[in-house]
Amino acid sequence: MRIRIVVVDDFGVVRDGLRLLLDAEADIETVGEAESVQEAVETARELQPDVVLLDLLMHEHLTTDRIPALRAAAPGASVVVVSPLDDPRHVWASFEAGASGYVLKEASADKLLDAVRAAAAGSRYLDPGLGARIALDEARHEEDSRTDQLGEREREVVRLLSLGHTCIEIASALGRSPRTIELYRSRIMEKLALETRAELVHYALEHRLLEPDEGDRGGAHAAPIVRRST
């Protein structure tokens, strides 16, 4: 059984190119095409394909919100988004709308064919190049979330520790006991999933925590830290 495809793109030359590529494969055939999403819904309803190749950006509009309509028109069809946009937000939006694959227009023919076959088999497919970017984006988002968990005083302790001050010096400046600052430090390291001061310094540099918060400028009532010579 061949994988039956409907190609959706607002440019005829793109549709022609995709048809040539797909029909050259022994296990794939193009059974229909459309130049608008509305036409795609009607074509999918009539032909009941296995896979719909959907251009994400047609007539200068995103087609993400029409993926559910395509799925409803052809319940047995999977939607593979072919996109000129590599922003992870569009990837997530497409998958959340019901897409089974996301391939960049700049991808190789092999990647597109892999996406078609994976979708037809009931699997998800994400362009490998995008996968790495999304993983990095998720890691950054997770780190930002950890930073957001820090309170104002914890941020100040991070800043002072990263600048090389001891817990005793920080305690004196903030009007706290050294034991309290030690507890702050332990809690901060646990929240940020860090183990060493070097990691803390790197984290503070990455997240620009070495400058006092705007709310702390002149308002934290912290005494200046003075290092005593020995």
Protein backbone atom coordinates (compact mmCIF):
# COMPACT_ATOMS: atom_id res chain seq x y z
CA MET A 1 0.00 0.00 0.00
CA ARG A 2 1.33 3.42 -0.96
CA ILE A 3 1.24 6.41 1.37
CA ARG A 4 -1.36 8.76 -0.11
CA ILE A 5 -0.41 12.44 0.11
CA VAL A 6 -2.18 15.76 -0.31
CA VAL A 7 0.22 18.67 -0.87
CA VAL A 8 -0.86 22.12 0.39
CA ASP A 9 1.14 25.18 -0.67
CA ASP A 10 0.21 28.55 -2.16
CA PHE A 11 2.98 28.36 -4.79
CA GLY A 12 2.38 26.13 -7.78
CA VAL A 13 6.07 25.61 -8.44
CA VAL A 14 6.52 24.29 -4.88
CA ARG A 15 3.60 21.91 -5.25
CA ASP A 16 5.00 20.67 -8.57
CA GLY A 17 8.42 20.10 -7.01
CA LEU A 18 6.98 18.21 -4.06
CA ARG A 19 4.83 16.06 -6.34
CA LEU A 20 7.89 15.10 -8.42
CA LEU A 21 9.85 14.24 -5.28
CA LEU A 22 7.09 12.22 -3.66
CA ASP A 23 5.93 10.35 -6.76
CA ALA A 24 9.48 9.20 -7.44
CA GLU A 25 9.24 7.00 -4.32
CA ALA A 26 7.83 3.49 -4.73
CA ASP A 27 5.82 3.67 -1.50
CA ILE A 28 4.39 7.20 -1.87
CA GLU A 29 1.92 8.84 -4.24
CA THR A 30 0.45 12.33 -4.45
CA VAL A 31 -3.31 12.06 -4.73
CA GLY A 32 -4.21 15.73 -4.49
CA GLU A 33 -3.05 19.27 -3.91
CA ALA A 34 -4.43 22.60 -2.73
CA GLU A 35 -3.36 26.22 -2.83
CA SER A 36 -5.34 27.37 0.23
CA VAL A 37 -6.23 25.88 3.58
CA GLN A 38 -9.95 25.93 2.82
CA GLU A 39 -9.32 24.04 -0.41
CA ALA A 40 -7.08 21.68 1.56
CA VAL A 41 -9.88 20.89 4.02
CA GLU A 42 -12.29 20.11 1.18
CA THR A 43 -9.68 18.03 -0.68
CA ALA A 44 -8.76 16.10 2.45
CA ARG A 45 -12.43 15.41 3.18
CA GLU A 46 -12.93 14.09 -0.35
CA LEU A 47 -9.73 12.04 -0.75
CA GLN A 48 -9.06 10.91 2.85
CA PRO A 49 -5.25 10.83 2.42
CA ASP A 50 -2.76 9.27 4.80
CA VAL A 51 -0.68 12.44 5.11
CA VAL A 52 -1.25 16.13 4.44
CA LEU A 53 1.86 18.20 3.72
CA LEU A 54 0.92 21.67 4.94
CA ASP A 55 2.88 24.86 4.30
CA LEU A 56 2.95 26.79 7.59
CA LEU A 57 2.91 30.23 5.95
CA MET A 58 0.40 30.71 3.13
CA HIS A 59 -0.77 34.01 1.66
CA GLU A 60 1.22 35.70 4.45
CA HIS A 61 -0.81 33.97 7.18
CA LEU A 62 0.08 31.15 9.54
CA THR A 63 -1.93 27.99 8.98
CA THR A 64 -1.46 26.51 12.46
CA ASP A 65 -5.02 27.22 13.58
CA ARG A 66 -6.43 25.25 10.63
CA ILE A 67 -4.68 22.00 11.51
CA PRO A 68 -7.62 20.84 13.69
CA ALA A 69 -10.00 21.41 10.74
CA LEU A 70 -7.79 19.29 8.50
CA ARG A 71 -7.69 16.53 11.11
CA ALA A 72 -11.46 16.68 11.48
CA ALA A 73 -11.99 16.51 7.72
CA ALA A 74 -9.72 13.47 7.40
CA PRO A 75 -9.50 11.73 10.79
CA GLY A 76 -7.12 9.09 9.47
CA ALA A 77 -4.65 11.62 8.07
CA SER A 78 -1.51 12.92 9.73
CA VAL A 79 -0.39 16.50 9.14
CA VAL A 80 3.26 17.27 8.41
CA VAL A 81 4.07 20.98 8.56
CA VAL A 82 6.60 22.22 6.02
CA SER A 83 7.85 25.51 7.37
CA PRO A 84 10.19 28.39 6.52
CA LEU A 85 10.22 29.32 10.22
CA ASP A 86 12.62 27.77 12.72
CA ASP A 87 11.24 29.47 15.84
CA PRO A 88 10.51 26.78 18.50
CA ARG A 89 7.25 28.55 19.32
CA HIS A 90 5.85 27.62 15.91
CA VAL A 91 6.98 24.03 16.40
CA TRP A 92 5.16 23.72 19.72
CA ALA A 93 2.08 25.47 18.35
CA SER A 94 1.94 23.07 15.38
CA PHE A 95 2.25 19.96 17.54
CA GLU A 96 -0.30 21.26 20.03
CA ALA A 97 -2.71 21.90 17.15
CA GLY A 98 -2.38 18.26 16.08
CA ALA A 99 0.52 18.08 13.63
CA SER A 100 2.59 14.89 13.50
CA GLY A 101 5.68 16.36 11.88
CA TYR A 102 7.58 19.62 11.43
CA VAL A 103 10.16 19.99 8.66
CA LEU A 104 11.99 23.10 7.53
CA LYS A 105 11.71 24.10 3.89
CA GLU A 106 15.49 24.22 3.78
CA ALA A 107 15.71 20.56 4.83
CA SER A 108 16.97 17.85 2.52
CA ALA A 109 14.60 15.69 0.52
CA ASP A 110 15.53 12.72 2.70
CA LYS A 111 14.30 14.51 5.83
CA LEU A 112 10.99 15.33 4.21
CA LEU A 113 10.53 11.73 3.13
CA ASP A 114 11.45 10.54 6.63
CA ALA A 115 8.81 12.86 8.05
CA VAL A 116 6.15 11.55 5.64
CA ARG A 117 6.90 7.92 6.43
CA ALA A 118 7.06 8.54 10.19
CA ALA A 119 3.72 10.37 10.14
CA ALA A 120 2.09 7.65 8.04
CA ALA A 121 3.31 5.09 10.59
CA GLY A 122 1.71 7.03 13.44
CA SER A 123 4.93 8.55 14.79
CA ARG A 124 6.02 12.12 15.30
CA TYR A 125 8.88 13.66 13.37
CA LEU A 126 10.88 16.79 14.15
CA ASP A 127 13.59 18.15 11.90
CA PRO A 128 16.85 17.07 13.66
CA GLY A 129 18.37 20.54 13.35
CA LEU A 130 15.37 22.01 15.11
CA GLY A 131 15.50 19.38 17.82
CA ALA A 132 18.89 20.67 19.01
CA ARG A 133 17.66 24.27 19.04
CA ILE A 134 14.54 23.35 20.99
CA ALA A 135 16.56 21.38 23.54
CA LEU A 136 18.76 24.44 24.07
CA ASP A 137 15.70 26.68 24.30
CA GLU A 138 14.14 24.38 26.90
CA ALA A 139 17.36 24.35 28.92
CA ARG A 140 17.47 28.14 28.92
CA HIS A 141 13.80 28.34 29.90
CA GLU A 142 14.40 25.92 32.77
CA GLU A 143 17.34 28.00 34.00
CA ASP A 144 15.30 31.19 33.76
CA SER A 145 12.54 29.50 35.78
CA ARG A 146 15.05 28.59 38.46
CA THR A 147 16.25 32.19 38.62
CA ASP A 148 12.66 33.39 38.98
CA GLN A 149 12.38 31.19 42.08
CA LEU A 150 15.01 33.23 43.88
CA GLY A 151 13.78 35.85 46.29
CA GLU A 152 15.25 39.34 46.52
CA ARG A 153 17.51 38.48 49.45
CA GLU A 154 18.65 35.25 47.78
CA ARG A 155 19.63 37.18 44.65
CA GLU A 156 21.69 39.52 46.80
CA VAL A 157 23.43 36.58 48.47
CA VAL A 158 24.15 35.06 45.04
CA ARG A 159 25.64 38.37 43.91
CA LEU A 160 27.87 38.76 46.95
CA LEU A 161 29.01 35.12 46.98
CA SER A 162 29.86 35.36 43.28
CA LEU A 163 31.89 38.49 43.93
CA GLY A 164 34.03 36.46 46.31
CA HIS A 165 32.74 37.55 49.69
CA THR A 166 32.63 35.10 52.59
CA CYS A 167 29.51 34.16 54.48
CA ILE A 168 30.81 36.08 57.51
CA GLU A 169 31.30 39.25 55.43
CA ILE A 170 27.86 38.88 53.83
CA ALA A 171 26.25 38.29 57.22
CA SER A 172 27.79 41.50 58.57
CA ALA A 173 26.68 43.51 55.53
CA LEU A 174 23.12 42.19 55.54
CA GLY A 175 22.64 42.21 59.28
CA ARG A 176 22.21 38.44 59.50
CA SER A 177 24.07 35.70 61.30
CA PRO A 178 26.70 33.66 59.42
CA ARG A 179 24.54 30.59 60.04
CA THR A 180 21.60 32.26 58.27
CA ILE A 181 23.77 33.10 55.26
CA GLU A 182 25.00 29.50 55.16
CA LEU A 183 21.37 28.37 55.06
CA TYR A 184 20.68 30.86 52.26
CA ARG A 185 23.66 29.50 50.35
CA SER A 186 22.55 25.87 50.72
CA ARG A 187 19.01 26.69 49.66
CA ILE A 188 20.23 28.68 46.65
CA MET A 189 22.54 25.89 45.48
CA GLU A 190 19.68 23.39 45.79
CA LYS A 191 17.23 25.61 43.87
CA LEU A 192 19.71 26.22 41.06
CA ALA A 193 20.95 22.60 41.01
CA LEU A 194 24.56 23.75 41.49
CA GLU A 195 27.35 22.19 43.51
CA THR A 196 30.37 24.50 43.58
CA ARG A 197 31.09 28.20 43.95
CA ALA A 198 32.62 28.16 40.46
CA GLU A 199 29.30 26.95 39.05
CA LEU A 200 27.51 29.66 41.02
CA VAL A 201 29.81 32.36 39.61
CA HIS A 202 29.26 31.07 36.07
CA TYR A 203 25.50 31.03 36.65
CA ALA A 204 25.52 34.57 38.02
CA LEU A 205 27.48 35.81 35.00
CA GLU A 206 25.16 34.02 32.55
CA HIS A 207 22.05 35.48 34.19
CA ARG A 208 23.48 38.93 34.92
CA LEU A 209 23.07 38.63 38.67
CA LEU A 210 26.29 40.44 39.56
CA GLU A 211 24.61 43.84 39.44
CA PRO A 212 22.22 44.77 42.26
CA ASP A 213 18.51 44.55 41.42
CA GLU A 214 16.89 47.91 40.68
CA GLY A 215 14.89 47.54 43.87
CA ASP A 216 18.11 47.06 45.85
CA ARG A 217 19.86 50.21 44.63
CA GLY A 218 19.96 52.29 47.73
CA GLY A 219 17.00 50.42 49.18
CA ALA A 220 18.39 47.18 50.57
CA HIS A 221 19.89 48.92 53.60
CA ALA A 222 22.90 46.62 53.39
CA ALA A 223 26.08 47.89 54.98
CA PRO A 224 29.08 48.13 52.64
CA ILE A 225 31.37 45.12 52.79
CA VAL A 226 34.80 45.98 54.03
CA ARG A 227 37.52 43.37 53.87
CA ARG A 228 39.73 43.38 56.92
CA SER A 229 43.42 43.00 56.26
CA THR A 230 45.22 40.32 58.23
